[in-house]
Amino acid sequence: MRFLVDECTGPTVADWLRSQSHEVFSVYHEARGMADDAILDLAHSGNWIPITNDKDFGEKVYREKRPHRGVVFLRLQDERPASKIDVLQRLLDEYDARLADNFVVVTETHVRFGFA
């Protein structure tokens, strides 16, 4: 899969996804400081699925009706990289075929799919 990892989600997550043979664009490594609108534009045009823990993406997708190829929003109590990786591993193991074109909210215990 092709993931665009937001800067706030971190370089450790990007590195882990690469180690799992995913294509990754890391905002931290490649475009630090990139604005949310630019991230969504790049993700849409490049067929990337952003992974973020920035709640502004929900506003942009639902209220502003911004086009996307899917978004994974991590809404975690534990923001440490190991927790993010654990949650993403479970998400990919169980739901990888459903990520495209969905807004997905992921917590430590739940996965919720929205359509936008």
Protein backbone atom coordinates (compact mmCIF):
# COMPACT_ATOMS: atom_id res chain seq x y z
CA MET A 1 0.00 0.00 0.00
CA ARG A 2 0.98 3.64 -0.38
CA PHE A 3 0.96 5.68 2.82
CA LEU A 4 1.71 9.33 3.44
CA VAL A 5 2.78 9.61 7.07
CA ASP A 6 2.04 13.01 8.57
CA GLU A 7 4.81 14.76 10.45
CA CYS A 8 2.92 14.52 13.76
CA THR A 9 2.62 10.76 13.35
CA GLY A 10 6.38 10.54 13.24
CA PRO A 11 9.39 9.08 11.48
CA THR A 12 9.35 5.84 13.48
CA VAL A 13 5.96 4.93 12.03
CA ALA A 14 7.17 5.78 8.52
CA ASP A 15 10.28 3.64 8.98
CA TRP A 16 8.21 0.74 10.31
CA LEU A 17 5.79 0.89 7.37
CA ARG A 18 8.73 0.81 4.96
CA SER A 19 10.10 -2.24 6.78
CA GLN A 20 6.72 -3.90 6.11
CA SER A 21 7.21 -3.33 2.34
CA HIS A 22 4.79 -0.42 2.00
CA GLU A 23 5.52 2.62 -0.14
CA VAL A 24 5.86 5.59 2.19
CA PHE A 25 6.05 9.35 1.82
CA SER A 26 7.17 10.74 5.20
CA VAL A 27 6.35 14.40 5.74
CA TYR A 28 8.91 14.41 8.56
CA HIS A 29 11.69 13.16 6.27
CA GLU A 30 10.69 14.72 2.95
CA ALA A 31 8.60 17.88 3.47
CA ARG A 32 8.77 19.04 7.07
CA GLY A 33 6.27 21.80 7.84
CA MET A 34 3.93 20.90 4.97
CA ALA A 35 0.43 22.33 5.44
CA ASP A 36 -2.57 20.03 5.86
CA ASP A 37 -4.15 21.20 2.59
CA ALA A 38 -0.94 20.44 0.71
CA ILE A 39 -0.77 17.01 2.34
CA LEU A 40 -4.30 16.18 1.19
CA ASP A 41 -3.57 17.47 -2.30
CA LEU A 42 -0.39 15.42 -2.58
CA ALA A 43 -2.06 12.34 -1.13
CA HIS A 44 -5.01 12.60 -3.51
CA SER A 45 -2.94 13.22 -6.63
CA GLY A 46 -0.37 10.55 -5.74
CA ASN A 47 -2.86 7.93 -4.54
CA TRP A 48 -1.42 7.94 -1.01
CA ILE A 49 -3.42 7.19 2.14
CA PRO A 50 -2.46 9.70 4.83
CA ILE A 51 -1.87 8.45 8.35
CA THR A 52 -2.26 11.24 10.89
CA ASN A 53 -3.16 12.02 14.45
CA ASP A 54 -4.19 15.56 13.47
CA LYS A 55 -7.97 15.96 13.93
CA ASP A 56 -8.04 18.80 11.39
CA PHE A 57 -8.14 16.15 8.65
CA GLY A 58 -11.65 15.17 9.69
CA GLU A 59 -12.75 18.77 9.32
CA LYS A 60 -11.14 19.03 5.89
CA VAL A 61 -12.67 15.79 4.61
CA TYR A 62 -16.16 16.09 6.05
CA ARG A 63 -16.85 19.80 6.36
CA GLU A 64 -14.74 21.12 3.48
CA LYS A 65 -15.44 18.06 1.30
CA ARG A 66 -11.77 17.74 0.30
CA PRO A 67 -11.14 14.82 -2.08
CA HIS A 68 -9.03 11.96 -0.77
CA ARG A 69 -8.02 8.37 -1.43
CA GLY A 70 -8.57 7.42 2.20
CA VAL A 71 -7.35 8.75 5.54
CA VAL A 72 -6.27 6.87 8.67
CA PHE A 73 -6.82 9.04 11.75
CA LEU A 74 -5.10 7.74 14.88
CA ARG A 75 -7.04 8.86 17.93
CA LEU A 76 -4.89 7.33 20.63
CA GLN A 77 -4.49 7.89 24.35
CA ASP A 78 -0.91 6.61 24.13
CA GLU A 79 0.93 8.62 21.47
CA ARG A 80 4.24 6.75 21.75
CA PRO A 81 5.55 5.30 18.47
CA ALA A 82 5.25 1.72 19.74
CA SER A 83 1.55 2.24 20.44
CA LYS A 84 0.97 3.73 16.98
CA ILE A 85 2.75 0.80 15.37
CA ASP A 86 0.80 -1.75 17.41
CA VAL A 87 -2.52 -0.18 16.39
CA LEU A 88 -1.47 0.08 12.74
CA GLN A 89 -0.34 -3.55 12.69
CA ARG A 90 -3.76 -4.68 13.86
CA LEU A 91 -5.49 -2.33 11.41
CA LEU A 92 -3.50 -3.65 8.47
CA ASP A 93 -3.90 -7.27 9.53
CA GLU A 94 -7.67 -6.99 9.74
CA TYR A 95 -8.78 -4.17 7.43
CA ASP A 96 -6.15 -3.43 4.76
CA ALA A 97 -8.61 -4.08 1.91
CA ARG A 98 -11.03 -1.49 3.32
CA LEU A 99 -8.68 1.47 3.79
CA ALA A 100 -8.86 2.94 0.28
CA ASP A 101 -11.42 5.74 -0.10
CA ASN A 102 -12.52 5.57 3.55
CA PHE A 103 -11.94 7.89 6.47
CA VAL A 104 -10.88 5.48 9.21
CA VAL A 105 -10.73 6.44 12.89
CA VAL A 106 -8.56 4.10 14.93
CA THR A 107 -8.31 3.92 18.72
CA GLU A 108 -6.56 1.38 20.89
CA THR A 109 -9.74 -0.71 20.95
CA HIS A 110 -11.93 0.31 17.99
CA VAL A 111 -11.87 0.91 14.25
CA ARG A 112 -14.62 3.08 12.75
CA PHE A 113 -15.08 3.53 8.99
CA GLY A 114 -16.65 6.63 7.53
CA PHE A 115 -17.25 7.49 3.91
CA ALA A 116 -16.51 10.85 2.44
